[in-house]
Structure formats: C-alpha cells, structure tokens
Amino acid sequence: MKVYYEQDADLSLIQNKKVAVVGYGSQGHAHALNMRDSGVKQLKVALAAGSASRKKAEAEGIEVTTVEEATKWADVLMILVPDEKQAVLFANEIEPHLRAGQHIMFGHGFNVHYNLIRPRADVDVSLSAPKGPGHTLRAQYQMGFGLPGLIAVHQDATGSATDVALSYSKAIGNTRAGVIQTSFREETETDLFGEQAVLCGGIVELIKAGFETLVEAGYAPEMAYFECLHETKLIVDLIYEGGIANMNYSISNTAEYGEYVSGPRVVNAETKAEMKRVLTDIQDGTFARNWVLENQAGAPSFHAKRARMNDHLIEEVGEKLRGMMHWAQNDRLVDKARN
C-alpha cells in the first residue's frame, strides 16, 4: 500500500491551475476554503442558479459561477454535488464543454465506478477523498492538522494525473495525515459498505435499538439517551485516539468484561452474514441501481424514512439534553447558516 505525505506532493501544481469546485455543501465548502487558505488563487465555486449556498460562498470571498462557465474556465474541476445528481449534471452542463487535457476530479467514485459517468478519453480523471465529513476536514485544517485521504486515477491522459491529484490533496490538508493510493472500485465499495454496515446504518440502528430497549423496559428516556447515544462519542474518541486496546485501558473492568461476553451476542454470526449480503449488493451494483431508481421516482422512500427518523423520541430527548450542555454547543462543526 502506497502512502503519500507532505514531502511527496508539490503544492505549486494546484496553485498554478484554475480550479473550480462544483458544489458548496459539507465537502464543497471545506475543499474550497482549504484550497483558498493553501494559496490557490484562481479558485471558483460553481453552483446552480438560485442555490442557497451562493451567499455562504460569497461571504467567504469566493467567486461563484455556473457549472457551464466553470467547466469552460477551469483546468481542474472537482465535482462535489450529491452522488444522485452527478450523472445528469455531468451530461447536461459539463461534458459538452470539456476540452482535451482538463482534469476532472471526484470526491467519491460512485458515478464513475458504476458507469453512470463515462468521461471522454482525452481528459484526466482522478479522485481525492478525505476520510471524514467535510465539516471535520475544515475544522482539522484550521487547527493545523488534516484528515487521512485517498487518491485514485481512472484516466491519465496527460501523464500528470497522479501528481495533480496529490497536489490537490495537499491543498485540502490530507497529506498532513497521509494519503493512500487506491482505485475507484476499492474506494467506492469500501466506502459504501462502511457507511451502510458500520458508520451510519450500523451505528444508528444500534443506538436506536439500545435506546428503545431501555425505554420499553421502563427506564427514563433521558437515561437511555446518555447510555446509548451521548457516551458513544466518548468511547469512539478513545478508539480513534489509540485503538480498541486504548479504549479498554480507560474503561472499567466491568465494562470491558461486558464487551467480551455481551457484544458478540448483539453483533453475532448472523449480523456478519448480513454484512456480507450488504457487501454483495454493493459489489454487484444492486444498491447503486436501487438508489438511482429511487431518485428517478422522486426519492419517496428516502424522504419518508428521513422524516420518521427525525420524529424518533431519541431526537426529541437529545435536543432537550444537548440544550442543557452549553459546552457541546460551542465551536460546533455544523452551522447550517454558515457551512
């Protein structure tokens, strides 16, 4: 496995190019602002007409333009709009205006890997993917640190795709922590699996199930919230800092014994078998097909599930308790009015 650090990337490569970031959401704002602060002078953000993000970008002093004009202008075009919107956007507003030798970048390989986007052969196509949400990427950069990241090259028409992708990764802060070279396939499939089985799908369902079990047994929802959600961050922080052994060093022996005897009862052989079925759906394109079809239908199931989650008792209880913890509201990573 090849890992790149600060000394392996030439920041001047991206500093001397015209760079456009398409999208200004969680990832888009972090990429744009980190590049600006890394000395990328020729920088624009491309947004759809009427985008609510325009004011946020302009408030940071970044020029906003259309996707079509950005494509005509840029040497490097980073596409950071949601996966489900990329294929249509690329076909209608980007592809007709591409020119030979341009560098098209992605923050996630979904659309290229599943052939929803098929770039012409005379452009470079690469990926620069920070391993974390955009708000965390920005916060770490501002503290002088960085998130680990991935790069991958799908097409190298100019012979410089890897060097430019590394330079871009350095500008957003990833080489501070280390950048791993991978492929579009590996990045896409492992990223989707991690999100679905562990990081988002897995942990949310685990938290909800624990919370509901305690509440249904007659315990106060506030107690259930603290035990099943609030302390999750504290445990994960210990694991993030030094691994599972580091967490076990910090917790009580009683808690550690419970980890060994009860953890495998909750996450058991059948859980792992289901994880394998989830991975198969990702590998054979079933998940991608279903997500594309869901969006073509207007995403009714997606929005219904989101609304149901937002109405869950754990959200109501959590909002009240977090309001009492003033320290948790200071220096928030997510400020919807700003980023």
Protein backbone atom coordinates (compact mmCIF):
# COMPACT_ATOMS: atom_id res chain seq x y z
CA MET A 1 0.00 0.00 0.00
CA LYS A 2 1.45 3.34 -1.09
CA VAL A 3 1.03 6.23 1.37
CA TYR A 4 1.94 9.82 0.49
CA TYR A 5 2.78 12.65 2.89
CA GLU A 6 3.57 16.37 2.66
CA GLN A 7 7.02 15.88 1.16
CA ASP A 8 5.60 13.69 -1.63
CA ALA A 9 3.27 16.33 -3.08
CA ASP A 10 4.08 19.54 -4.95
CA LEU A 11 1.60 22.20 -3.82
CA SER A 12 2.64 24.55 -6.62
CA LEU A 13 1.00 22.32 -9.22
CA ILE A 14 -2.51 23.10 -7.99
CA GLN A 15 -1.59 26.66 -7.02
CA ASN A 16 -0.76 27.36 -10.66
CA LYS A 17 -4.01 26.00 -12.06
CA LYS A 18 -7.51 27.37 -12.39
CA VAL A 19 -9.63 25.27 -10.03
CA ALA A 20 -13.41 25.09 -9.84
CA VAL A 21 -15.32 23.26 -7.12
CA VAL A 22 -18.78 22.18 -8.20
CA GLY A 23 -20.99 22.28 -5.10
CA TYR A 24 -20.66 24.03 -1.75
CA GLY A 25 -22.09 21.56 0.74
CA SER A 26 -20.25 19.76 3.52
CA GLN A 27 -17.35 18.65 1.31
CA GLY A 28 -17.51 21.50 -1.20
CA HIS A 29 -17.11 24.29 1.31
CA ALA A 30 -14.21 22.51 3.04
CA HIS A 31 -12.33 21.82 -0.21
CA ALA A 32 -12.79 25.38 -1.45
CA LEU A 33 -11.83 27.11 1.80
CA ASN A 34 -8.87 24.83 2.49
CA MET A 35 -7.54 25.41 -1.03
CA ARG A 36 -8.00 29.14 -0.67
CA ASP A 37 -6.03 29.07 2.57
CA SER A 38 -3.36 26.93 0.89
CA GLY A 39 -2.67 29.63 -1.69
CA VAL A 40 -4.82 28.54 -4.63
CA LYS A 41 -5.53 31.98 -6.10
CA GLN A 42 -7.51 31.07 -9.22
CA LEU A 43 -10.46 29.46 -7.49
CA LYS A 44 -14.19 29.48 -8.19
CA VAL A 45 -17.24 27.67 -6.87
CA ALA A 46 -19.84 26.50 -9.40
CA LEU A 47 -23.48 26.42 -8.28
CA ALA A 48 -26.90 26.05 -9.83
CA ALA A 49 -28.96 29.21 -10.27
CA GLY A 50 -30.80 30.06 -7.06
CA SER A 51 -28.60 27.86 -4.87
CA ALA A 52 -28.89 28.68 -1.17
CA SER A 53 -25.14 28.09 -0.89
CA ARG A 54 -24.28 31.11 -3.03
CA LYS A 55 -24.42 33.54 -0.09
CA LYS A 56 -22.24 31.26 2.03
CA ALA A 57 -19.52 31.07 -0.61
CA GLU A 58 -19.64 34.78 -1.40
CA ALA A 59 -19.45 35.59 2.31
CA GLU A 60 -16.06 33.84 2.27
CA GLY A 61 -14.93 35.95 -0.67
CA ILE A 62 -15.08 33.14 -3.21
CA GLU A 63 -16.33 33.89 -6.71
CA VAL A 64 -19.44 31.94 -7.70
CA THR A 65 -20.23 30.98 -11.28
CA THR A 66 -22.36 28.50 -13.22
CA VAL A 67 -21.31 24.91 -13.83
CA GLU A 68 -21.15 25.53 -17.57
CA GLU A 69 -18.90 28.58 -17.22
CA ALA A 70 -16.74 26.85 -14.62
CA THR A 71 -16.17 23.93 -16.99
CA LYS A 72 -15.10 26.28 -19.78
CA TRP A 73 -12.75 28.18 -17.45
CA ALA A 74 -11.14 25.59 -15.20
CA ASP A 75 -8.06 23.44 -15.62
CA VAL A 76 -9.20 21.27 -12.71
CA LEU A 77 -12.88 20.64 -11.99
CA MET A 78 -13.77 18.93 -8.70
CA ILE A 79 -17.33 17.55 -8.68
CA LEU A 80 -18.77 17.52 -5.17
CA VAL A 81 -22.52 17.62 -5.66
CA PRO A 82 -24.51 14.67 -4.21
CA ASP A 83 -23.97 11.33 -5.96
CA GLU A 84 -27.57 11.14 -7.14
CA LYS A 85 -27.28 14.44 -9.02
CA GLN A 86 -23.91 14.00 -10.69
CA ALA A 87 -24.77 11.96 -13.79
CA VAL A 88 -27.42 14.34 -15.11
CA LEU A 89 -25.31 17.39 -14.22
CA PHE A 90 -22.28 15.92 -15.97
CA ALA A 91 -24.21 15.03 -19.13
CA ASN A 92 -26.01 18.36 -19.42
CA GLU A 93 -23.62 21.01 -18.10
CA ILE A 94 -20.10 19.59 -18.00
CA GLU A 95 -19.48 17.08 -20.79
CA PRO A 96 -20.50 19.40 -23.67
CA HIS A 97 -17.88 21.96 -22.58
CA LEU A 98 -14.90 19.73 -21.78
CA ARG A 99 -11.65 20.16 -23.64
CA ALA A 100 -8.68 17.86 -24.08
CA GLY A 101 -6.23 17.86 -21.19
CA GLN A 102 -8.63 19.03 -18.49
CA HIS A 103 -8.57 17.27 -15.13
CA ILE A 104 -11.92 16.07 -13.78
CA MET A 105 -11.90 15.12 -10.10
CA PHE A 106 -14.37 13.43 -7.79
CA GLY A 107 -14.65 13.17 -4.02
CA HIS A 108 -16.26 9.73 -4.31
CA GLY A 109 -16.03 7.16 -7.09
CA PHE A 110 -19.72 6.15 -7.19
CA ASN A 111 -20.72 7.52 -10.59
CA VAL A 112 -17.54 6.58 -12.43
CA HIS A 113 -17.30 3.11 -10.91
CA TYR A 114 -20.89 2.22 -11.77
CA ASN A 115 -20.56 3.74 -15.26
CA LEU A 116 -23.16 6.44 -14.64
CA ILE A 117 -20.50 8.90 -15.80
CA ARG A 118 -18.16 7.90 -18.63
CA PRO A 119 -15.67 10.73 -19.26
CA ARG A 120 -14.13 11.14 -22.70
CA ALA A 121 -10.71 9.57 -23.15
CA ASP A 122 -8.68 12.77 -23.58
CA VAL A 123 -9.22 14.15 -20.05
CA ASP A 124 -7.63 13.16 -16.76
CA VAL A 125 -10.00 11.61 -14.24
CA SER A 126 -8.99 11.22 -10.60
CA LEU A 127 -10.34 11.04 -7.09
CA SER A 128 -9.33 12.88 -3.92
CA ALA A 129 -11.38 11.63 -1.00
CA PRO A 130 -10.85 12.82 2.58
CA LYS A 131 -11.79 10.11 5.07
CA GLY A 132 -14.31 12.11 7.03
CA PRO A 133 -17.14 14.63 6.67
CA GLY A 134 -16.39 18.00 5.14
CA HIS A 135 -17.04 19.89 8.35
CA THR A 136 -14.39 17.77 10.09
CA LEU A 137 -11.99 18.26 7.19
CA ARG A 138 -12.31 22.03 7.53
CA ALA A 139 -12.01 22.01 11.32
CA GLN A 140 -8.89 19.82 11.28
CA TYR A 141 -7.26 22.02 8.63
CA GLN A 142 -7.91 25.16 10.65
CA MET A 143 -6.26 23.54 13.68
CA GLY A 144 -3.17 22.79 11.63
CA PHE A 145 -3.97 19.11 11.17
CA GLY A 146 -5.60 17.09 8.42
CA LEU A 147 -7.70 14.05 7.71
CA PRO A 148 -6.26 10.97 6.05
CA GLY A 149 -7.33 10.74 2.43
CA LEU A 150 -7.40 8.59 -0.66
CA ILE A 151 -6.39 9.25 -4.25
CA ALA A 152 -7.14 7.19 -7.32
CA VAL A 153 -6.61 7.71 -11.03
CA HIS A 154 -9.19 6.44 -13.51
CA GLN A 155 -7.70 8.08 -16.61
CA ASP A 156 -4.28 9.64 -17.11
CA ALA A 157 -4.49 11.32 -20.50
CA THR A 158 -1.78 13.91 -19.75
CA GLY A 159 0.62 11.76 -17.74
CA SER A 160 0.34 14.09 -14.73
CA ALA A 161 -2.95 12.96 -13.18
CA THR A 162 -1.38 11.40 -10.07
CA ASP A 163 0.84 14.42 -9.38
CA VAL A 164 -2.08 16.85 -9.70
CA ALA A 165 -4.34 14.69 -7.53
CA LEU A 166 -1.62 14.62 -4.85
CA SER A 167 -1.16 18.37 -5.09
CA TYR A 168 -4.90 18.87 -4.68
CA SER A 169 -4.90 16.53 -1.67
CA LYS A 170 -2.10 18.56 -0.13
CA ALA A 171 -4.05 21.79 -0.65
CA ILE A 172 -7.04 20.45 1.28
CA GLY A 173 -4.84 19.10 4.08
CA ASN A 174 -4.91 15.34 3.51
CA THR A 175 -1.16 14.84 3.09
CA ARG A 176 -0.69 16.15 6.62
CA ALA A 177 -2.17 12.86 7.85
CA GLY A 178 -1.34 10.60 4.92
CA VAL A 179 -2.89 9.83 1.54
CA ILE A 180 -3.36 6.24 0.37
CA GLN A 181 -3.37 5.36 -3.32
CA THR A 182 -6.31 3.14 -4.25
CA SER A 183 -8.72 2.53 -7.15
CA PHE A 184 -12.17 3.90 -7.92
CA ARG A 185 -13.63 0.43 -7.33
CA GLU A 186 -11.98 -0.10 -3.95
CA GLU A 187 -12.80 3.41 -2.70
CA THR A 188 -16.43 3.18 -3.79
CA GLU A 189 -17.21 -0.29 -2.50
CA THR A 190 -15.43 0.02 0.86
CA ASP A 191 -16.86 3.50 1.44
CA LEU A 192 -20.43 2.38 0.76
CA PHE A 193 -20.00 -0.70 2.94
CA GLY A 194 -18.53 1.27 5.85
CA GLU A 195 -21.34 3.82 5.69
CA GLN A 196 -24.11 1.26 5.48
CA ALA A 197 -22.96 -1.53 7.76
CA VAL A 198 -20.99 0.34 10.42
CA LEU A 199 -20.61 4.11 10.43
CA CYS A 200 -24.11 5.35 9.59
CA GLY A 201 -26.53 2.48 9.12
CA GLY A 202 -24.98 0.14 11.67
CA ILE A 203 -24.32 2.60 14.47
CA VAL A 204 -27.64 4.44 14.11
CA GLU A 205 -29.63 1.21 14.28
CA LEU A 206 -27.53 0.00 17.24
CA ILE A 207 -28.12 3.26 19.12
CA LYS A 208 -31.85 3.24 18.35
CA ALA A 209 -32.25 -0.41 19.36
CA GLY A 210 -30.45 0.16 22.66
CA PHE A 211 -32.43 3.31 23.40
CA GLU A 212 -35.74 1.64 22.58
CA THR A 213 -34.89 -1.45 24.66
CA LEU A 214 -34.27 0.63 27.78
CA VAL A 215 -37.32 2.87 27.28
CA GLU A 216 -39.59 -0.11 26.62
CA ALA A 217 -38.29 -1.66 29.85
CA GLY A 218 -39.49 1.41 31.77
CA TYR A 219 -36.28 3.39 32.13
CA ALA A 220 -36.29 7.17 31.66
CA PRO A 221 -35.65 8.26 28.05
CA GLU A 222 -33.04 10.70 29.35
CA MET A 223 -31.09 7.86 30.97
CA ALA A 224 -31.40 5.80 27.79
CA TYR A 225 -30.10 8.72 25.73
CA PHE A 226 -27.00 9.16 27.87
CA GLU A 227 -26.19 5.45 27.98
CA CYS A 228 -26.81 4.66 24.31
CA LEU A 229 -26.04 7.86 22.38
CA HIS A 230 -24.21 10.51 24.39
CA GLU A 231 -21.46 8.20 25.59
CA THR A 232 -20.96 6.75 22.11
CA LYS A 233 -18.83 9.76 21.16
CA LEU A 234 -16.74 9.44 24.29
CA ILE A 235 -15.99 5.78 23.58
CA VAL A 236 -15.31 6.41 19.89
CA ASP A 237 -12.91 9.24 20.78
CA LEU A 238 -10.84 6.77 22.82
CA ILE A 239 -10.82 4.22 19.98
CA TYR A 240 -9.95 6.93 17.44
CA GLU A 241 -7.09 8.12 19.62
CA GLY A 242 -5.40 4.79 20.25
CA GLY A 243 -7.41 1.82 19.07
CA ILE A 244 -9.71 -0.59 20.90
CA ALA A 245 -6.99 -1.50 23.41
CA ASN A 246 -6.70 2.19 24.33
CA MET A 247 -10.44 2.34 24.98
CA ASN A 248 -10.31 -0.79 27.11
CA TYR A 249 -7.45 0.71 29.12
CA SER A 250 -9.69 3.66 30.00
CA ILE A 251 -13.00 1.95 30.81
CA SER A 252 -13.73 -0.12 33.90
CA ASN A 253 -13.00 -3.84 34.08
CA THR A 254 -16.74 -4.40 34.44
CA ALA A 255 -17.41 -2.58 31.17
CA GLU A 256 -14.60 -4.47 29.43
CA TYR A 257 -15.92 -7.85 30.64
CA GLY A 258 -19.37 -6.88 29.36
CA GLU A 259 -17.79 -6.07 25.99
CA TYR A 260 -16.41 -9.59 25.72
CA VAL A 261 -19.47 -11.55 26.87
CA SER A 262 -22.38 -9.44 25.58
CA GLY A 263 -21.00 -7.71 22.50
CA PRO A 264 -20.87 -10.95 20.46
CA ARG A 265 -24.46 -11.70 21.47
CA VAL A 266 -25.63 -8.45 19.87
CA VAL A 267 -23.31 -8.41 16.86
CA ASN A 268 -23.20 -12.13 16.12
CA ALA A 269 -22.58 -14.55 13.25
CA GLU A 270 -25.90 -13.69 11.64
CA THR A 271 -25.02 -9.99 11.80
CA LYS A 272 -21.77 -10.70 9.97
CA ALA A 273 -23.61 -12.85 7.41
CA GLU A 274 -25.98 -9.94 6.76
CA MET A 275 -22.98 -7.64 6.37
CA LYS A 276 -21.70 -9.96 3.65
CA ARG A 277 -25.06 -9.75 1.88
CA VAL A 278 -24.90 -5.94 2.11
CA LEU A 279 -21.42 -6.05 0.57
CA THR A 280 -22.64 -8.29 -2.25
CA ASP A 281 -25.39 -5.78 -3.08
CA ILE A 282 -22.71 -3.09 -3.30
CA GLN A 283 -20.33 -5.18 -5.40
CA ASP A 284 -22.87 -6.37 -7.95
CA GLY A 285 -24.50 -2.95 -8.41
CA THR A 286 -27.81 -3.77 -6.71
CA PHE A 287 -27.51 -0.91 -4.23
CA ALA A 288 -26.46 1.55 -6.95
CA ARG A 289 -29.38 0.51 -9.16
CA ASN A 290 -31.87 0.87 -6.31
CA TRP A 291 -30.51 4.29 -5.32
CA VAL A 292 -30.67 5.54 -8.92
CA LEU A 293 -34.24 4.26 -9.36
CA GLU A 294 -35.27 5.73 -6.00
CA ASN A 295 -34.13 9.16 -7.14
CA GLN A 296 -35.73 8.83 -10.57
CA ALA A 297 -39.02 8.29 -8.72
CA GLY A 298 -38.51 11.43 -6.61
CA ALA A 299 -36.99 9.62 -3.59
CA PRO A 300 -40.32 8.97 -1.80
CA SER A 301 -38.98 6.16 0.39
CA PHE A 302 -35.82 8.10 1.25
CA HIS A 303 -37.74 11.18 2.38
CA ALA A 304 -40.29 9.12 4.32
CA LYS A 305 -37.54 7.28 6.20
CA ARG A 306 -35.75 10.55 6.95
CA ALA A 307 -38.94 12.10 8.33
CA ARG A 308 -39.58 9.04 10.50
CA MET A 309 -36.04 9.18 11.87
CA ASN A 310 -36.36 12.89 12.63
CA ASP A 311 -39.55 12.19 14.59
CA HIS A 312 -37.98 9.46 16.73
CA LEU A 313 -38.14 10.00 20.51
CA ILE A 314 -34.34 9.92 20.73
CA GLU A 315 -34.19 13.10 18.62
CA GLU A 316 -36.68 14.92 20.85
CA VAL A 317 -34.92 13.89 24.05
CA GLY A 318 -31.49 14.58 22.58
CA GLU A 319 -32.37 18.11 21.51
CA LYS A 320 -33.54 18.94 25.02
CA LEU A 321 -30.49 17.45 26.74
CA ARG A 322 -27.98 18.99 24.34
CA GLY A 323 -29.56 22.36 25.03
CA MET A 324 -28.51 21.93 28.68
CA MET A 325 -24.91 21.15 27.75
CA HIS A 326 -23.61 24.55 26.70
CA TRP A 327 -20.10 23.22 26.12
CA ALA A 328 -21.44 20.89 23.42
CA GLN A 329 -22.80 23.89 21.51
CA ASN A 330 -19.52 25.81 21.42
CA ASP A 331 -17.42 25.53 18.25
CA ARG A 332 -19.92 23.28 16.53
CA LEU A 333 -18.66 21.57 13.39
CA VAL A 334 -22.01 22.06 11.65
CA ASP A 335 -23.54 25.52 11.46
CA LYS A 336 -26.27 25.37 8.83
CA ALA A 337 -26.29 29.14 8.38
CA ARG A 338 -22.56 29.25 7.66
CA ASN A 339 -21.49 25.87 6.27
